[in-house]
Amino acid sequence: MSPRTFIYHPGDAVAMSLVIKNGLVATQDPKRDVLRADVLIEDGRIAAIGKSIKGAKTLDASGCAVIPGLVNCHGHAAMALMKGVADDLNLEQFLGRTFAVDARRTRQDVRAGAMLGCLEMLLSGTTTFMDMYYHEDAVAEAVEATGIRGHLGWAVLDDDKTTQKGSPLKNADRFISRFKSSPLVRPLVAPQGVYACSEETLLGARSLAEEHGAGLHMHLQETRYEVHEHEKKTGKRPIAWLEGIGFLNDRLSAAHCVWLTINEIRILKKNGVGVAHCPVSNAKLASGGIAPVPEMRREGVPVGLGTDGSASNNCLDMFQEMKFCALAHKAHRWDATVMNAQEILDMATIDAARAIGAERAIGSIERGKRADLAIVDITAPNMAPTHSGNLVSNLAYSCIGANVRDVIVDGKVVVRGRALKAFDEAKIMKEAERQARKLLAL
């Protein structure tokens, strides 16, 4: 087993089987089959895909598409409270504004923000997300309360660069130890970036990840300024420097990766690093240029899509991310064929799962995989007409999160009829509003 492939612990046993009936199924299997079929779920896994399957319980998906749950490869869920706090600013101004708010955050408002972020993601079809923040234990509690799946990284910085209490590495160690057996949480070590982590901190993060059999997640070469400043300081660009100190490895997924050369792409491939492409966030912050995703895909680097946080995106809807990704690359390359609908859907499902080391468990509707699914209403005006021949295109270019009707995570129906089942949505919204007013002094 690859070190980047993580095993999900089973949750509470699902006593009876569930059959999703009469749906148009976008399997995302190796053949990318689109089938008019039923999907049988047993004990949290996909047990069969076929015609006229019987089970103890059924969920009618007539007029709907059944798709793998979407995978958001990079974000900061707790920043859902910070929508609109730093809009229309350049990167330096944006960071100054958000860092000032971050310095005031409490564990209580981090949890409230994470609950809101998890709610938004689930209602728009995301079943797994990769996260990086401090108070990540509060984010984990939100994951377990709402029923979403989270790959959660405790933010690690040099001790003299953080507002965390205590050592970030020790905090990450305690976090991983607490949640490593959770059925829905995969705890990670998340170095902030080369601009906030010394060689000692980075190698400590890698050692900690290896000790626990955990993953690593970091920001990497997001801006030209980051690359040039690191080169001035060390004589090397970040990726070459990270390879030189022995940090790069196949436990790592890296967010952004906008400013890359072809040789750096090949270094990522050689070391088995996955990439989270965040086109909306990078465009909004005017990072400049477009990440070389076609070259990364051509060289075999696994690339998935990420929304980044609500402060730099304002929205956690992966369908919006898919459409913008396709259009941005087409416009940037002056080539309408550079990225097609199937590739875009791949980057939100199976390729996203590869990018975070989870492709054996999630990302496609195949027998034996965890039952993480979204059911999308294809009779809505923006989706009609949808049939087997245009389903993938409609998912990439027409669909919005509001078209998602039901969501299943680990075999459990967590969203039914656009309502969260496990938790009171009104309570989540009320607490988020209350904590946001305190945090932002509204």
Protein backbone atom coordinates (compact mmCIF):
# COMPACT_ATOMS: atom_id res chain seq x y z
CA MET A 1 0.00 0.00 0.00
CA SER A 2 1.26 3.47 -0.88
CA PRO A 3 1.94 5.65 2.17
CA ARG A 4 -0.40 8.22 0.62
CA THR A 5 -3.28 5.76 0.60
CA PHE A 6 -5.17 6.00 3.87
CA ILE A 7 -7.67 3.50 5.27
CA TYR A 8 -10.97 4.74 6.64
CA HIS A 9 -12.11 3.14 9.86
CA PRO A 10 -15.69 1.84 9.69
CA GLY A 11 -18.28 3.91 11.47
CA ASP A 12 -21.37 2.66 13.22
CA ALA A 13 -22.61 -0.44 11.44
CA VAL A 14 -25.39 0.14 8.93
CA ALA A 15 -27.96 -2.42 9.99
CA MET A 16 -29.87 -2.66 6.73
CA SER A 17 -29.01 -2.25 3.11
CA LEU A 18 -29.99 0.79 1.09
CA VAL A 19 -30.74 0.73 -2.63
CA ILE A 20 -30.67 3.95 -4.64
CA LYS A 21 -33.18 3.25 -7.39
CA ASN A 22 -33.67 4.52 -10.93
CA GLY A 23 -30.82 7.02 -11.08
CA LEU A 24 -28.56 8.03 -13.94
CA VAL A 25 -25.23 6.96 -12.48
CA ALA A 26 -21.96 8.71 -13.35
CA THR A 27 -19.68 6.00 -12.00
CA GLN A 28 -16.32 7.70 -12.61
CA ASP A 29 -14.93 4.16 -12.87
CA PRO A 30 -11.91 3.51 -15.16
CA LYS A 31 -14.24 3.40 -18.19
CA ARG A 32 -16.17 6.48 -17.01
CA ASP A 33 -19.40 4.54 -17.51
CA VAL A 34 -22.70 6.41 -17.27
CA LEU A 35 -25.46 3.92 -16.49
CA ARG A 36 -29.18 3.86 -15.84
CA ALA A 37 -28.86 1.65 -12.78
CA ASP A 38 -29.50 1.00 -9.10
CA VAL A 39 -26.75 1.27 -6.48
CA LEU A 40 -26.72 -1.09 -3.50
CA ILE A 41 -25.10 0.09 -0.27
CA GLU A 42 -24.27 -2.33 2.53
CA ASP A 43 -22.31 -1.65 5.71
CA GLY A 44 -21.15 1.71 4.45
CA ARG A 45 -19.78 0.40 1.16
CA ILE A 46 -20.98 0.15 -2.41
CA ALA A 47 -21.99 -3.49 -2.79
CA ALA A 48 -23.40 -3.59 -6.32
CA ILE A 49 -24.38 -1.49 -9.34
CA GLY A 50 -26.99 -2.92 -11.66
CA LYS A 51 -30.62 -3.38 -12.62
CA SER A 52 -33.55 -4.23 -10.36
CA ILE A 53 -31.52 -4.59 -7.16
CA LYS A 54 -33.54 -5.29 -4.04
CA GLY A 55 -32.75 -4.14 -0.52
CA ALA A 56 -34.35 -3.59 2.84
CA LYS A 57 -34.64 0.16 2.23
CA THR A 58 -34.84 2.19 -0.97
CA LEU A 59 -34.21 5.79 -2.00
CA ASP A 60 -35.85 6.75 -5.28
CA ALA A 61 -33.51 8.71 -7.56
CA SER A 62 -35.89 9.03 -10.51
CA GLY A 63 -35.17 12.28 -12.32
CA CYS A 64 -31.77 12.45 -10.66
CA ALA A 65 -28.12 11.75 -11.34
CA VAL A 66 -26.13 9.72 -8.84
CA ILE A 67 -22.51 10.87 -8.67
CA PRO A 68 -19.51 10.26 -6.44
CA GLY A 69 -19.43 12.72 -3.57
CA LEU A 70 -17.27 15.69 -4.52
CA VAL A 71 -13.81 16.04 -2.97
CA ASN A 72 -12.62 19.53 -2.01
CA CYS A 73 -8.83 19.26 -1.92
CA HIS A 74 -7.97 22.46 -0.06
CA GLY A 75 -9.74 24.83 2.26
CA HIS A 76 -10.13 26.41 5.65
CA ALA A 77 -13.69 25.52 6.66
CA ALA A 78 -13.69 27.66 9.80
CA MET A 79 -13.20 30.78 7.66
CA ALA A 80 -16.87 30.50 6.66
CA LEU A 81 -17.45 33.23 9.27
CA MET A 82 -15.12 35.52 7.32
CA LYS A 83 -17.02 35.89 4.04
CA GLY A 84 -16.60 39.40 2.70
CA VAL A 85 -14.09 40.62 5.30
CA ALA A 86 -11.26 41.14 2.82
CA ASP A 87 -12.77 41.47 -0.64
CA ASP A 88 -11.29 43.46 -3.53
CA LEU A 89 -7.88 43.83 -1.91
CA ASN A 90 -4.45 42.93 -3.20
CA LEU A 91 -2.76 39.94 -1.57
CA GLU A 92 -0.73 41.92 0.96
CA GLN A 93 -3.81 43.86 2.09
CA PHE A 94 -5.87 40.67 2.13
CA LEU A 95 -3.34 38.89 4.34
CA GLY A 96 -3.10 41.86 6.70
CA ARG A 97 -6.88 41.94 7.12
CA THR A 98 -7.34 38.19 7.56
CA PHE A 99 -4.33 37.75 9.87
CA ALA A 100 -5.71 40.49 12.10
CA VAL A 101 -9.03 38.63 12.36
CA ASP A 102 -7.28 35.28 12.81
CA ALA A 103 -5.33 36.62 15.78
CA ARG A 104 -8.64 37.22 17.61
CA ARG A 105 -10.21 33.84 16.91
CA THR A 106 -11.34 31.53 19.68
CA ARG A 107 -11.97 27.83 19.68
CA GLN A 108 -15.71 28.53 19.91
CA ASP A 109 -15.89 30.64 16.77
CA VAL A 110 -13.61 28.23 14.89
CA ARG A 111 -16.10 25.45 15.66
CA ALA A 112 -19.06 27.63 14.64
CA GLY A 113 -17.34 28.54 11.38
CA ALA A 114 -16.46 24.91 10.69
CA MET A 115 -20.05 23.85 11.30
CA LEU A 116 -21.23 26.45 8.80
CA GLY A 117 -18.57 25.43 6.29
CA CYS A 118 -19.45 21.73 6.62
CA LEU A 119 -23.13 22.56 6.15
CA GLU A 120 -22.42 24.54 2.99
CA MET A 121 -20.23 21.79 1.56
CA LEU A 122 -22.67 18.97 2.30
CA LEU A 123 -25.64 20.83 0.82
CA SER A 124 -23.66 21.36 -2.40
CA GLY A 125 -22.55 17.74 -2.79
CA THR A 126 -19.09 17.71 -1.20
CA THR A 127 -18.56 14.62 0.95
CA THR A 128 -14.81 14.94 1.65
CA PHE A 129 -12.66 18.01 2.23
CA MET A 130 -9.00 18.72 2.98
CA ASP A 131 -8.52 21.39 5.62
CA MET A 132 -5.75 23.39 7.27
CA TYR A 133 -6.18 25.54 10.38
CA TYR A 134 -5.42 25.77 14.07
CA HIS A 135 -7.99 24.59 16.67
CA GLU A 136 -8.40 21.79 14.15
CA ASP A 137 -9.89 19.65 16.92
CA ALA A 138 -12.89 21.99 16.79
CA VAL A 139 -13.10 21.40 13.03
CA ALA A 140 -12.96 17.64 13.68
CA GLU A 141 -15.87 17.96 16.09
CA ALA A 142 -17.84 19.75 13.38
CA VAL A 143 -17.03 16.93 10.94
CA GLU A 144 -18.29 14.30 13.33
CA ALA A 145 -21.42 16.32 14.18
CA THR A 146 -22.48 16.96 10.58
CA GLY A 147 -21.43 13.63 9.06
CA ILE A 148 -19.07 14.89 6.36
CA ARG A 149 -15.62 13.34 5.83
CA GLY A 150 -12.57 15.48 6.63
CA HIS A 151 -8.84 15.21 5.99
CA LEU A 152 -7.87 17.72 8.64
CA GLY A 153 -4.42 19.26 9.03
CA TRP A 154 -3.28 21.05 12.16
CA ALA A 155 -1.47 24.19 10.99
CA VAL A 156 2.24 24.06 11.82
CA LEU A 157 4.54 27.11 11.84
CA ASP A 158 7.78 28.06 13.54
CA ASP A 159 7.17 28.72 17.22
CA ASP A 160 8.08 32.40 16.83
CA LYS A 161 5.67 32.90 13.92
CA THR A 162 2.45 31.57 15.43
CA THR A 163 -0.31 32.85 17.68
CA GLN A 164 -1.06 29.30 18.85
CA LYS A 165 -0.57 28.47 22.48
CA GLY A 166 2.30 26.03 22.85
CA SER A 167 4.32 24.39 20.11
CA PRO A 168 2.39 23.85 16.85
CA LEU A 169 4.16 20.52 16.27
CA LYS A 170 3.19 19.28 19.73
CA ASN A 171 -0.34 20.53 19.16
CA ALA A 172 -0.45 18.59 15.89
CA ASP A 173 0.83 15.47 17.65
CA ARG A 174 -1.94 15.64 20.25
CA PHE A 175 -4.55 16.29 17.58
CA ILE A 176 -3.53 13.28 15.50
CA SER A 177 -3.43 11.02 18.55
CA ARG A 178 -6.94 12.08 19.53
CA PHE A 179 -8.61 11.61 16.14
CA LYS A 180 -6.60 8.93 14.34
CA SER A 181 -9.27 6.27 14.95
CA SER A 182 -12.24 8.43 13.94
CA PRO A 183 -14.39 6.95 11.14
CA LEU A 184 -14.75 10.34 9.43
CA VAL A 185 -11.55 12.23 10.33
CA ARG A 186 -8.13 11.65 8.79
CA PRO A 187 -5.82 13.85 10.89
CA LEU A 188 -2.80 15.37 9.14
CA VAL A 189 0.21 17.60 9.75
CA ALA A 190 -0.14 20.88 7.84
CA PRO A 191 2.97 23.10 7.54
CA GLN A 192 1.77 26.57 6.57
CA GLY A 193 4.42 27.11 3.87
CA VAL A 194 8.11 27.75 3.36
CA TYR A 195 7.63 31.38 4.38
CA ALA A 196 6.50 30.33 7.88
CA CYS A 197 8.42 27.08 8.45
CA SER A 198 12.14 26.56 8.90
CA GLU A 199 13.93 23.45 7.74
CA GLU A 200 13.77 22.16 11.30
CA THR A 201 10.00 22.66 11.49
CA LEU A 202 9.38 21.06 8.11
CA LEU A 203 11.46 17.99 8.88
CA GLY A 204 9.76 17.77 12.25
CA ALA A 205 6.41 17.79 10.46
CA ARG A 206 7.54 15.03 8.10
CA SER A 207 8.84 12.95 11.01
CA LEU A 208 5.57 13.39 12.90
CA ALA A 209 3.53 12.34 9.86
CA GLU A 210 5.67 9.23 9.41
CA GLU A 211 5.39 8.36 13.09
CA HIS A 212 1.60 8.40 12.92
CA GLY A 213 1.21 7.10 9.37
CA ALA A 214 -0.49 10.41 8.56
CA GLY A 215 -0.48 12.75 5.60
CA LEU A 216 1.01 16.19 5.04
CA HIS A 217 -0.63 19.24 3.50
CA MET A 218 0.87 22.66 2.77
CA HIS A 219 0.65 25.81 0.65
CA LEU A 220 3.30 25.76 -2.05
CA GLN A 221 4.45 28.25 -4.71
CA GLU A 222 1.17 30.12 -4.66
CA THR A 223 2.62 33.49 -5.64
CA ARG A 224 5.58 34.83 -7.57
CA TYR A 225 6.57 36.82 -4.47
CA GLU A 226 6.77 33.64 -2.37
CA VAL A 227 9.00 31.96 -4.95
CA HIS A 228 11.34 34.92 -5.45
CA GLU A 229 11.69 35.71 -1.75
CA HIS A 230 12.59 32.11 -0.94
CA GLU A 231 15.09 32.04 -3.78
CA LYS A 232 16.72 35.22 -2.48
CA LYS A 233 16.90 33.74 1.01
CA THR A 234 18.14 30.23 0.19
CA GLY A 235 19.46 30.37 -3.37
CA LYS A 236 16.78 27.88 -4.45
CA ARG A 237 13.14 28.00 -5.43
CA PRO A 238 10.87 26.32 -2.85
CA ILE A 239 10.32 22.97 -4.57
CA ALA A 240 14.02 22.40 -5.27
CA TRP A 241 14.85 23.46 -1.71
CA LEU A 242 12.21 21.13 -0.23
CA GLU A 243 13.56 18.24 -2.28
CA GLY A 244 17.08 19.11 -1.19
CA ILE A 245 16.23 18.92 2.52
CA GLY A 246 14.38 15.62 2.06
CA PHE A 247 10.90 16.95 2.76
CA LEU A 248 9.03 16.04 -0.43
CA ASN A 249 7.36 12.63 -0.28
CA ASP A 250 4.23 10.77 -1.27
CA ARG A 251 2.40 11.66 1.92
CA LEU A 252 2.25 15.29 0.77
CA SER A 253 -0.52 17.18 -1.01
CA ALA A 254 0.33 20.76 -1.93
CA ALA A 255 -2.16 23.57 -2.43
CA HIS A 256 -2.04 26.12 -5.28
CA CYS A 257 1.25 25.37 -7.13
CA VAL A 258 0.68 28.29 -9.48
CA TRP A 259 4.27 29.36 -10.20
CA LEU A 260 5.89 26.14 -11.45
CA THR A 261 8.44 25.27 -14.10
CA ILE A 262 8.26 22.01 -16.02
CA ASN A 263 11.24 20.71 -14.04
CA GLU A 264 9.44 21.48 -10.79
CA ILE A 265 6.38 19.60 -12.04
CA ARG A 266 8.63 16.61 -12.71
CA ILE A 267 10.08 16.87 -9.20
CA LEU A 268 6.55 16.73 -7.79
CA LYS A 269 5.81 13.66 -9.92
CA LYS A 270 9.05 11.94 -8.92
CA ASN A 271 8.24 12.41 -5.25
CA GLY A 272 4.58 11.40 -5.52
CA VAL A 273 3.18 14.77 -4.44
CA GLY A 274 -0.50 15.53 -5.09
CA VAL A 275 -1.73 19.04 -5.96
CA ALA A 276 -4.84 21.01 -5.01
CA HIS A 277 -5.72 23.51 -7.74
CA CYS A 278 -7.71 26.51 -6.41
CA PRO A 279 -8.55 28.61 -9.49
CA VAL A 280 -11.26 30.86 -8.00
CA SER A 281 -9.20 31.84 -4.95
CA ASN A 282 -6.08 32.46 -7.03
CA ALA A 283 -8.02 34.57 -9.53
CA LYS A 284 -9.78 36.59 -6.84
CA LEU A 285 -6.47 37.39 -5.12
CA ALA A 286 -4.85 38.14 -8.49
CA SER A 287 -1.98 35.75 -7.87
CA GLY A 288 -1.13 36.22 -11.53
CA GLY A 289 -1.07 33.57 -14.20
CA ILE A 290 -2.89 30.24 -14.13
CA ALA A 291 -1.44 27.10 -12.55
CA PRO A 292 0.02 24.81 -15.24
CA VAL A 293 -2.58 22.11 -14.69
CA PRO A 294 -2.49 20.67 -18.25
CA GLU A 295 1.27 20.12 -17.88
CA MET A 296 0.86 18.60 -14.41
CA ARG A 297 -1.78 16.20 -15.69
CA ARG A 298 0.36 15.32 -18.71
CA GLU A 299 3.34 14.53 -16.47
CA GLY A 300 1.20 12.34 -14.20
CA VAL A 301 0.89 14.59 -11.14
CA PRO A 302 -2.50 13.93 -9.48
CA VAL A 303 -4.43 17.22 -9.46
CA GLY A 304 -7.72 17.86 -7.70
CA LEU A 305 -9.81 20.97 -7.22
CA GLY A 306 -10.09 23.01 -4.04
CA THR A 307 -12.12 26.05 -3.08
CA ASP A 308 -9.69 27.48 -0.51
CA GLY A 309 -11.37 29.35 2.36
CA SER A 310 -14.45 31.56 2.30
CA ALA A 311 -12.36 34.71 2.82
CA SER A 312 -10.66 34.22 -0.55
CA ASN A 313 -13.49 32.51 -2.41
CA ASN A 314 -16.74 33.43 -0.62
CA CYS A 315 -18.25 30.13 -1.71
CA LEU A 316 -17.57 26.44 -1.10
CA ASP A 317 -19.62 25.16 -4.04
CA MET A 318 -17.43 22.75 -5.98
CA PHE A 319 -19.69 22.96 -9.05
CA GLN A 320 -18.80 26.64 -9.35
CA GLU A 321 -15.13 25.70 -8.98
CA MET A 322 -15.43 23.14 -11.77
CA LYS A 323 -16.95 25.54 -14.28
CA PHE A 324 -14.55 28.37 -13.48
CA CYS A 325 -11.58 26.01 -13.74
CA ALA A 326 -12.52 24.92 -17.23
CA LEU A 327 -13.24 28.41 -18.49
CA ALA A 328 -10.13 29.95 -16.95
CA HIS A 329 -7.80 27.45 -18.62
CA LYS A 330 -9.58 27.70 -21.98
CA ALA A 331 -9.36 31.49 -21.94
CA HIS A 332 -5.77 31.54 -20.69
CA ARG A 333 -4.54 29.11 -23.38
CA TRP A 334 -6.77 30.44 -26.18
CA ASP A 335 -7.77 26.81 -26.63
CA ALA A 336 -11.31 25.53 -26.04
CA THR A 337 -10.05 21.93 -26.03
CA VAL A 338 -7.34 22.31 -23.37
CA MET A 339 -9.61 21.02 -20.60
CA ASN A 340 -12.86 19.14 -21.23
CA ALA A 341 -15.89 18.36 -19.08
CA GLN A 342 -14.74 14.84 -18.23
CA GLU A 343 -11.38 16.09 -17.02
CA ILE A 344 -13.10 18.71 -14.88
CA LEU A 345 -15.41 16.14 -13.26
CA ASP A 346 -12.37 13.90 -12.70
CA MET A 347 -10.62 16.73 -10.85
CA ALA A 348 -13.56 16.99 -8.46
CA THR A 349 -13.91 13.24 -7.87
CA ILE A 350 -11.45 10.45 -8.70
CA ASP A 351 -8.42 12.64 -9.44
CA ALA A 352 -9.16 14.67 -6.31
CA ALA A 353 -9.19 11.43 -4.32
CA ARG A 354 -5.80 10.54 -5.85
CA ALA A 355 -4.42 13.96 -4.96
CA ILE A 356 -5.18 13.37 -1.27
CA GLY A 357 -4.21 9.69 -1.26
CA ALA A 358 -7.74 8.31 -0.89
CA GLU A 359 -8.51 6.83 -4.32
CA ARG A 360 -8.86 3.28 -2.96
CA ALA A 361 -11.72 4.38 -0.75
CA ILE A 362 -13.57 7.26 -2.46
CA GLY A 363 -13.86 9.23 -5.70
CA SER A 364 -15.87 6.80 -7.83
CA ILE A 365 -18.92 4.56 -7.63
CA GLU A 366 -17.34 1.13 -7.67
CA ARG A 367 -17.99 -2.02 -5.72
CA GLY A 368 -16.07 -2.09 -2.44
CA LYS A 369 -15.54 1.66 -2.12
CA ARG A 370 -17.01 3.72 0.70
CA ALA A 371 -20.54 4.82 -0.11
CA ASP A 372 -19.99 8.58 -0.49
CA LEU A 373 -22.54 9.81 -3.02
CA ALA A 374 -24.48 12.88 -4.11
CA ILE A 375 -27.89 12.76 -5.79
CA VAL A 376 -28.48 15.65 -8.18
CA ASP A 377 -31.86 16.82 -9.49
CA ILE A 378 -31.54 16.81 -13.28
CA THR A 379 -35.11 18.00 -13.86
CA ALA A 380 -34.27 21.53 -12.66
CA PRO A 381 -34.45 24.13 -15.47
CA ASN A 382 -30.69 24.72 -15.48
CA MET A 383 -30.06 20.97 -15.84
CA ALA A 384 -32.76 20.03 -18.36
CA PRO A 385 -32.53 18.23 -20.61
CA THR A 386 -30.01 15.79 -19.15
CA HIS A 387 -29.41 12.29 -20.52
CA SER A 388 -26.55 9.82 -20.59
CA GLY A 389 -24.90 11.60 -23.52
CA ASN A 390 -24.62 15.01 -21.87
CA LEU A 391 -24.63 14.25 -18.14
CA VAL A 392 -20.92 14.87 -17.64
CA SER A 393 -21.05 18.16 -19.54
CA ASN A 394 -24.09 19.31 -17.59
CA LEU A 395 -22.41 18.47 -14.30
CA ALA A 396 -19.34 20.47 -15.31
CA TYR A 397 -21.00 23.47 -16.93
CA SER A 398 -24.67 23.69 -15.86
CA CYS A 399 -24.95 22.30 -12.36
CA ILE A 400 -24.91 24.34 -9.16
CA GLY A 401 -24.81 23.21 -5.56
CA ALA A 402 -28.51 23.98 -5.13
CA ASN A 403 -29.29 21.12 -7.55
CA VAL A 404 -28.04 18.58 -4.99
CA ARG A 405 -31.03 16.84 -3.38
CA ASP A 406 -29.50 14.11 -1.19
CA VAL A 407 -26.04 13.27 0.10
CA ILE A 408 -24.74 9.99 1.51
CA VAL A 409 -21.47 9.68 3.44
CA ASP A 410 -20.12 6.31 4.56
CA GLY A 411 -23.46 4.72 3.74
CA LYS A 412 -25.50 7.12 5.84
CA VAL A 413 -27.99 9.59 4.36
CA VAL A 414 -26.77 12.89 5.82
CA VAL A 415 -28.72 15.23 3.53
CA ARG A 416 -32.28 14.36 2.47
CA GLY A 417 -34.37 16.71 0.39
CA ARG A 418 -31.77 19.49 0.81
CA ALA A 419 -31.98 19.27 4.60
CA LEU A 420 -29.21 18.16 6.94
CA LYS A 421 -30.43 15.15 8.91
CA ALA A 422 -27.96 14.92 11.79
CA PHE A 423 -28.07 18.48 13.06
CA ASP A 424 -30.43 21.44 13.26
CA GLU A 425 -29.47 23.78 10.41
CA ALA A 426 -31.12 26.76 12.09
CA LYS A 427 -28.98 26.17 15.16
CA ILE A 428 -25.81 26.10 13.03
CA MET A 429 -26.79 29.35 11.30
CA LYS A 430 -27.76 31.11 14.54
CA GLU A 431 -24.49 30.19 16.26
CA ALA A 432 -22.45 31.20 13.20
CA GLU A 433 -24.16 34.61 13.13
CA ARG A 434 -23.58 35.09 16.86
CA GLN A 435 -19.89 34.17 16.72
CA ALA A 436 -19.31 36.24 13.56
CA ARG A 437 -20.71 39.33 15.25
CA LYS A 438 -18.38 38.83 18.21
CA LEU A 439 -15.35 38.08 16.02
CA LEU A 440 -15.87 40.94 13.59
CA ALA A 441 -17.24 43.37 16.19
CA LEU A 442 -20.39 43.95 14.14
